[in-house]
Every structure is written in C-alpha cells, then in structure tokens.
Amino acid sequence: MRTRLLGFAAALVLAVLGATAPIAQAAVPAVAGPTCVDGSGTVEYDSTAGQWICVGGEYDGELITKT
C-alpha cells in the first residue's frame, strides 16, 4: 500500500512540474537575435543552460527566440 501511495505521489509531483515548466519558460523575456545585435549586444550560446542569450547592450541576459 505504501509503495502505491508513494508512486502515485511521485507521479502527481512530476505531472505538476511538467505542466508548470512551459508556463515559467514563457514568462521569461526573450528577444530575437537581430534585435539583440541592434541593441549593441551579441548573441552567445550558454552551454551550462543550453540556451542562446543576449550578452551586453540593451537586452543583456535575455533569452534569444527562434525567430
């Protein structure tokens, strides 16, 4: 019984985390690559986060969108 309850609780936690991850990611401001460069920044790959970011300029630290 305890094993089933623990498994159910783990599945519930993972489902909640999976549902909230896209929402949290969408809340992060993002800019297009050319917009970053126009704002005096450079587009660089952050290997620790696995994402492209804008470094320097007006949009420093913001994520780069696909477009």
PDB file of N, CA and C in Angstrom:
ATOM      1  N   MET A   1       0.822  -1.196   0.000  1.00  0.00           N
ATOM      2  CA  MET A   1       0.000   0.000   0.000  1.00  0.00           C
ATOM      3  C   MET A   1       0.869   1.265   0.000  1.00  0.00           C
ATOM      4  N   ARG A   2       1.919   1.254   0.821  1.00  0.00           N
ATOM      5  CA  ARG A   2       2.790   2.433   0.883  1.00  0.00           C
ATOM      6  C   ARG A   2       3.490   2.664  -0.445  1.00  0.00           C
ATOM      7  N   THR A   3       3.882   1.595  -1.115  1.00  0.00           N
ATOM      8  CA  THR A   3       4.563   1.720  -2.396  1.00  0.00           C
ATOM      9  C   THR A   3       3.652   2.354  -3.435  1.00  0.00           C
ATOM     10  N   ARG A   4       2.401   1.952  -3.449  1.00  0.00           N
ATOM     11  CA  ARG A   4       1.449   2.540  -4.396  1.00  0.00           C
ATOM     12  C   ARG A   4       1.211   4.012  -4.098  1.00  0.00           C
ATOM     13  N   LEU A   5       1.092   4.343  -2.831  1.00  0.00           N
ATOM     14  CA  LEU A   5       0.867   5.737  -2.446  1.00  0.00           C
ATOM     15  C   LEU A   5       2.070   6.602  -2.810  1.00  0.00           C
ATOM     16  N   LEU A   6       3.266   6.085  -2.552  1.00  0.00           N
ATOM     17  CA  LEU A   6       4.485   6.820  -2.899  1.00  0.00           C
ATOM     18  C   LEU A   6       4.607   6.995  -4.411  1.00  0.00           C
ATOM     19  N   GLY A   7       4.297   5.945  -5.165  1.00  0.00           N
ATOM     20  CA  GLY A   7       4.344   6.037  -6.624  1.00  0.00           C
ATOM     21  C   GLY A   7       3.331   7.033  -7.164  1.00  0.00           C
ATOM     22  N   PHE A   8       2.138   7.032  -6.584  1.00  0.00           N
ATOM     23  CA  PHE A   8       1.109   7.988  -7.008  1.00  0.00           C
ATOM     24  C   PHE A   8       1.540   9.415  -6.699  1.00  0.00           C
ATOM     25  N   ALA A   9       2.105   9.630  -5.509  1.00  0.00           N
ATOM     26  CA  ALA A   9       2.565  10.967  -5.125  1.00  0.00           C
ATOM     27  C   ALA A   9       3.683  11.443  -6.051  1.00  0.00           C
ATOM     28  N   ALA A  10       4.605  10.561  -6.395  1.00  0.00           N
ATOM     29  CA  ALA A  10       5.699  10.928  -7.300  1.00  0.00           C
ATOM     30  C   ALA A  10       5.164  11.271  -8.684  1.00  0.00           C
ATOM     31  N   ALA A  11       4.207  10.486  -9.161  1.00  0.00           N
ATOM     32  CA  ALA A  11       3.619  10.765 -10.477  1.00  0.00           C
ATOM     33  C   ALA A  11       2.881  12.093 -10.468  1.00  0.00           C
ATOM     34  N   LEU A  12       2.207  12.405  -9.393  1.00  0.00           N
ATOM     35  CA  LEU A  12       1.479  13.668  -9.277  1.00  0.00           C
ATOM     36  C   LEU A  12       2.443  14.860  -9.278  1.00  0.00           C
ATOM     37  N   VAL A  13       3.525  14.740  -8.530  1.00  0.00           N
ATOM     38  CA  VAL A  13       4.526  15.823  -8.483  1.00  0.00           C
ATOM     39  C   VAL A  13       5.145  16.039  -9.862  1.00  0.00           C
ATOM     40  N   LEU A  14       5.501  14.972 -10.546  1.00  0.00           N
ATOM     41  CA  LEU A  14       6.083  15.105 -11.884  1.00  0.00           C
ATOM     42  C   LEU A  14       5.099  15.706 -12.876  1.00  0.00           C
ATOM     43  N   ALA A  15       3.825  15.351 -12.755  1.00  0.00           N
ATOM     44  CA  ALA A  15       2.815  15.922 -13.645  1.00  0.00           C
ATOM     45  C   ALA A  15       2.664  17.419 -13.415  1.00  0.00           C
ATOM     46  N   VAL A  16       2.687  17.842 -12.173  1.00  0.00           N
ATOM     47  CA  VAL A  16       2.570  19.274 -11.860  1.00  0.00           C
ATOM     48  C   VAL A  16       3.791  20.027 -12.370  1.00  0.00           C
ATOM     49  N   LEU A  17       4.974  19.476 -12.154  1.00  0.00           N
ATOM     50  CA  LEU A  17       6.192  20.134 -12.640  1.00  0.00           C
ATOM     51  C   LEU A  17       6.223  20.198 -14.159  1.00  0.00           C
ATOM     52  N   GLY A  18       5.785  19.157 -14.816  1.00  0.00           N
ATOM     53  CA  GLY A  18       5.746  19.147 -16.275  1.00  0.00           C
ATOM     54  C   GLY A  18       4.778  20.159 -16.837  1.00  0.00           C
ATOM     55  N   ALA A  19       3.691  20.399 -16.126  1.00  0.00           N
ATOM     56  CA  ALA A  19       2.690  21.359 -16.591  1.00  0.00           C
ATOM     57  C   ALA A  19       3.127  22.799 -16.350  1.00  0.00           C
ATOM     58  N   THR A  20       3.904  23.049 -15.303  1.00  0.00           N
ATOM     59  CA  THR A  20       4.291  24.425 -14.987  1.00  0.00           C
ATOM     60  C   THR A  20       5.563  24.870 -15.699  1.00  0.00           C
ATOM     61  N   ALA A  21       6.381  23.955 -16.179  1.00  0.00           N
ATOM     62  CA  ALA A  21       7.636  24.335 -16.829  1.00  0.00           C
ATOM     63  C   ALA A  21       7.423  25.215 -18.057  1.00  0.00           C
ATOM     64  N   PRO A  22       6.509  24.879 -18.989  1.00  0.00           N
ATOM     65  CA  PRO A  22       6.312  25.764 -20.137  1.00  0.00           C
ATOM     66  C   PRO A  22       5.784  27.143 -19.743  1.00  0.00           C
ATOM     67  N   ILE A  23       4.978  27.202 -18.699  1.00  0.00           N
ATOM     68  CA  ILE A  23       4.445  28.487 -18.246  1.00  0.00           C
ATOM     69  C   ILE A  23       5.571  29.353 -17.702  1.00  0.00           C
ATOM     70  N   ALA A  24       6.449  28.768 -16.905  1.00  0.00           N
ATOM     71  CA  ALA A  24       7.569  29.524 -16.346  1.00  0.00           C
ATOM     72  C   ALA A  24       8.524  29.966 -17.445  1.00  0.00           C
ATOM     73  N   GLN A  25       8.723  29.119 -18.436  1.00  0.00           N
ATOM     74  CA  GLN A  25       9.624  29.465 -19.528  1.00  0.00           C
ATOM     75  C   GLN A  25       9.039  30.583 -20.379  1.00  0.00           C
ATOM     76  N   ALA A  26       7.722  30.602 -20.549  1.00  0.00           N
ATOM     77  CA  ALA A  26       7.080  31.636 -21.352  1.00  0.00           C
ATOM     78  C   ALA A  26       7.119  32.983 -20.657  1.00  0.00           C
ATOM     79  N   ALA A  27       7.249  32.995 -19.339  1.00  0.00           N
ATOM     80  CA  ALA A  27       7.264  34.241 -18.590  1.00  0.00           C
ATOM     81  C   ALA A  27       8.602  34.966 -18.688  1.00  0.00           C
ATOM     82  N   VAL A  28       9.649  34.261 -19.115  1.00  0.00           N
ATOM     83  CA  VAL A  28      10.971  34.869 -19.242  1.00  0.00           C
ATOM     84  C   VAL A  28      10.997  35.741 -20.486  1.00  0.00           C
ATOM     85  N   PRO A  29      11.442  37.012 -20.348  1.00  0.00           N
ATOM     86  CA  PRO A  29      11.517  37.873 -21.529  1.00  0.00           C
ATOM     87  C   PRO A  29      12.510  37.319 -22.552  1.00  0.00           C
ATOM     88  N   ALA A  30      12.170  37.467 -23.817  1.00  0.00           N
ATOM     89  CA  ALA A  30      13.036  36.970 -24.883  1.00  0.00           C
ATOM     90  C   ALA A  30      13.030  37.958 -26.040  1.00  0.00           C
ATOM     91  N   VAL A  31      14.129  37.996 -26.760  1.00  0.00           N
ATOM     92  CA  VAL A  31      14.259  38.868 -27.919  1.00  0.00           C
ATOM     93  C   VAL A  31      14.780  38.061 -29.097  1.00  0.00           C
ATOM     94  N   ALA A  32      14.586  38.582 -30.272  1.00  0.00           N
ATOM     95  CA  ALA A  32      15.130  37.959 -31.481  1.00  0.00           C
ATOM     96  C   ALA A  32      16.614  38.322 -31.594  1.00  0.00           C
ATOM     97  N   GLY A  33      17.370  37.474 -32.271  1.00  0.00           N
ATOM     98  CA  GLY A  33      18.801  37.705 -32.440  1.00  0.00           C
ATOM     99  C   GLY A  33      19.143  39.062 -33.034  1.00  0.00           C
ATOM    100  N   PRO A  34      18.484  39.449 -34.154  1.00  0.00           N
ATOM    101  CA  PRO A  34      18.793  40.760 -34.733  1.00  0.00           C
ATOM    102  C   PRO A  34      18.463  41.926 -33.788  1.00  0.00           C
ATOM    103  N   THR A  35      17.438  41.762 -32.969  1.00  0.00           N
ATOM    104  CA  THR A  35      17.081  42.809 -32.008  1.00  0.00           C
ATOM    105  C   THR A  35      18.179  42.959 -30.968  1.00  0.00           C
ATOM    106  N   CYS A  36      18.751  41.844 -30.538  1.00  0.00           N
ATOM    107  CA  CYS A  36      19.868  41.880 -29.591  1.00  0.00           C
ATOM    108  C   CYS A  36      21.059  42.623 -30.193  1.00  0.00           C
ATOM    109  N   VAL A  37      21.391  42.294 -31.427  1.00  0.00           N
ATOM    110  CA  VAL A  37      22.534  42.927 -32.093  1.00  0.00           C
ATOM    111  C   VAL A  37      22.267  44.412 -32.323  1.00  0.00           C
ATOM    112  N   ASP A  38      21.025  44.768 -32.689  1.00  0.00           N
ATOM    113  CA  ASP A  38      20.674  46.179 -32.874  1.00  0.00           C
ATOM    114  C   ASP A  38      20.785  46.971 -31.573  1.00  0.00           C
ATOM    115  N   GLY A  39      20.602  46.285 -30.443  1.00  0.00           N
ATOM    116  CA  GLY A  39      20.724  46.935 -29.136  1.00  0.00           C
ATOM    117  C   GLY A  39      22.137  46.906 -28.594  1.00  0.00           C
ATOM    118  N   SER A  40      23.126  46.728 -29.447  1.00  0.00           N
ATOM    119  CA  SER A  40      24.552  46.728 -29.108  1.00  0.00           C
ATOM    120  C   SER A  40      24.983  45.503 -28.315  1.00  0.00           C
ATOM    121  N   GLY A  41      24.269  44.382 -28.463  1.00  0.00           N
ATOM    122  CA  GLY A  41      24.657  43.149 -27.783  1.00  0.00           C
ATOM    123  C   GLY A  41      25.168  42.117 -28.765  1.00  0.00           C
ATOM    124  N   THR A  42      25.566  40.970 -28.245  1.00  0.00           N
ATOM    125  CA  THR A  42      25.990  39.860 -29.080  1.00  0.00           C
ATOM    126  C   THR A  42      25.211  38.621 -28.672  1.00  0.00           C
ATOM    127  N   VAL A  43      24.942  37.755 -29.643  1.00  0.00           N
ATOM    128  CA  VAL A  43      24.228  36.511 -29.387  1.00  0.00           C
ATOM    129  C   VAL A  43      25.260  35.433 -29.088  1.00  0.00           C
ATOM    130  N   GLU A  44      25.168  34.840 -27.882  1.00  0.00           N
ATOM    131  CA  GLU A  44      26.122  33.822 -27.476  1.00  0.00           C
ATOM    132  C   GLU A  44      25.383  32.619 -26.907  1.00  0.00           C
ATOM    133  N   TYR A  45      26.012  31.439 -27.013  1.00  0.00           N
ATOM    134  CA  TYR A  45      25.425  30.205 -26.503  1.00  0.00           C
ATOM    135  C   TYR A  45      25.917  29.956 -25.085  1.00  0.00           C
ATOM    136  N   ASP A  46      24.989  29.787 -24.164  1.00  0.00           N
ATOM    137  CA  ASP A  46      25.319  29.466 -22.777  1.00  0.00           C
ATOM    138  C   ASP A  46      25.253  27.953 -22.625  1.00  0.00           C
ATOM    139  N   SER A  47      26.402  27.294 -22.618  1.00  0.00           N
ATOM    140  CA  SER A  47      26.432  25.834 -22.597  1.00  0.00           C
ATOM    141  C   SER A  47      25.936  25.259 -21.275  1.00  0.00           C
ATOM    142  N   THR A  48      26.038  26.007 -20.189  1.00  0.00           N
ATOM    143  CA  THR A  48      25.548  25.494 -18.910  1.00  0.00           C
ATOM    144  C   THR A  48      24.029  25.437 -18.876  1.00  0.00           C
ATOM    145  N   ALA A  49      23.369  26.421 -19.506  1.00  0.00           N
ATOM    146  CA  ALA A  49      21.903  26.444 -19.546  1.00  0.00           C
ATOM    147  C   ALA A  49      21.369  25.782 -20.810  1.00  0.00           C
ATOM    148  N   GLY A  50      22.226  25.656 -21.833  1.00  0.00           N
ATOM    149  CA  GLY A  50      21.788  25.064 -23.089  1.00  0.00           C
ATOM    150  C   GLY A  50      20.893  25.981 -23.887  1.00  0.00           C
ATOM    151  N   GLN A  51      21.108  27.300 -23.762  1.00  0.00           N
ATOM    152  CA  GLN A  51      20.256  28.272 -24.450  1.00  0.00           C
ATOM    153  C   GLN A  51      21.107  29.398 -25.027  1.00  0.00           C
ATOM    154  N   TRP A  52      20.547  30.044 -26.045  1.00  0.00           N
ATOM    155  CA  TRP A  52      21.184  31.224 -26.622  1.00  0.00           C
ATOM    156  C   TRP A  52      20.723  32.439 -25.832  1.00  0.00           C
ATOM    157  N   ILE A  53      21.657  33.330 -25.491  1.00  0.00           N
ATOM    158  CA  ILE A  53      21.322  34.532 -24.743  1.00  0.00           C
ATOM    159  C   ILE A  53      21.957  35.754 -25.394  1.00  0.00           C
ATOM    160  N   CYS A  54      21.442  36.905 -25.039  1.00  0.00           N
ATOM    161  CA  CYS A  54      21.998  38.178 -25.489  1.00  0.00           C
ATOM    162  C   CYS A  54      22.975  38.656 -24.422  1.00  0.00           C
ATOM    163  N   VAL A  55      24.182  38.982 -24.826  1.00  0.00           N
ATOM    164  CA  VAL A  55      25.206  39.426 -23.888  1.00  0.00           C
ATOM    165  C   VAL A  55      25.575  40.866 -24.211  1.00  0.00           C
ATOM    166  N   GLY A  56      25.423  41.732 -23.223  1.00  0.00           N
ATOM    167  CA  GLY A  56      25.750  43.137 -23.386  1.00  0.00           C
ATOM    168  C   GLY A  56      24.627  43.906 -24.047  1.00  0.00           C
ATOM    169  N   GLY A  57      24.780  45.187 -24.070  1.00  0.00           N
ATOM    170  CA  GLY A  57      23.805  46.040 -24.737  1.00  0.00           C
ATOM    171  C   GLY A  57      22.498  46.180 -23.966  1.00  0.00           C
ATOM    172  N   GLU A  58      21.487  46.589 -24.684  1.00  0.00           N
ATOM    173  CA  GLU A  58      20.180  46.907 -24.102  1.00  0.00           C
ATOM    174  C   GLU A  58      19.449  45.675 -23.569  1.00  0.00           C
ATOM    175  N   TYR A  59      19.668  44.512 -24.159  1.00  0.00           N
ATOM    176  CA  TYR A  59      18.933  43.295 -23.798  1.00  0.00           C
ATOM    177  C   TYR A  59      19.829  42.270 -23.088  1.00  0.00           C
ATOM    178  N   ASP A  60      20.797  42.723 -22.340  1.00  0.00           N
ATOM    179  CA  ASP A  60      21.768  41.857 -21.684  1.00  0.00           C
ATOM    180  C   ASP A  60      21.089  40.805 -20.804  1.00  0.00           C
ATOM    181  N   GLY A  61      21.438  39.534 -21.039  1.00  0.00           N
ATOM    182  CA  GLY A  61      20.935  38.437 -20.224  1.00  0.00           C
ATOM    183  C   GLY A  61      19.613  37.847 -20.666  1.00  0.00           C
ATOM    184  N   GLU A  62      18.968  38.419 -21.668  1.00  0.00           N
ATOM    185  CA  GLU A  62      17.677  37.896 -22.117  1.00  0.00           C
ATOM    186  C   GLU A  62      17.860  36.744 -23.094  1.00  0.00           C
ATOM    187  N   LEU A  63      16.913  35.812 -23.074  1.00  0.00           N
ATOM    188  CA  LEU A  63      16.950  34.667 -23.959  1.00  0.00           C
ATOM    189  C   LEU A  63      16.697  35.093 -25.405  1.00  0.00           C
ATOM    190  N   ILE A  64      17.241  34.337 -26.324  1.00  0.00           N
ATOM    191  CA  ILE A  64      17.035  34.593 -27.746  1.00  0.00           C
ATOM    192  C   ILE A  64      15.921  33.675 -28.248  1.00  0.00           C
ATOM    193  N   THR A  65      14.956  34.247 -28.961  1.00  0.00           N
ATOM    194  CA  THR A  65      13.874  33.468 -29.517  1.00  0.00           C
ATOM    195  C   THR A  65      14.327  32.814 -30.804  1.00  0.00           C
ATOM    196  N   LYS A  66      13.536  31.877 -31.304  1.00  0.00           N
ATOM    197  CA  LYS A  66      13.875  31.167 -32.544  1.00  0.00           C
ATOM    198  C   LYS A  66      13.771  32.060 -33.760  1.00  0.00           C
ATOM    199  N   THR A  67      12.969  33.093 -33.708  1.00  0.00           N
ATOM    200  CA  THR A  67      12.772  33.953 -34.878  1.00  0.00           C
ATOM    201  C   THR A  67      13.638  35.164 -34.833  1.00  0.00           C
TER     202      THR A  67
END
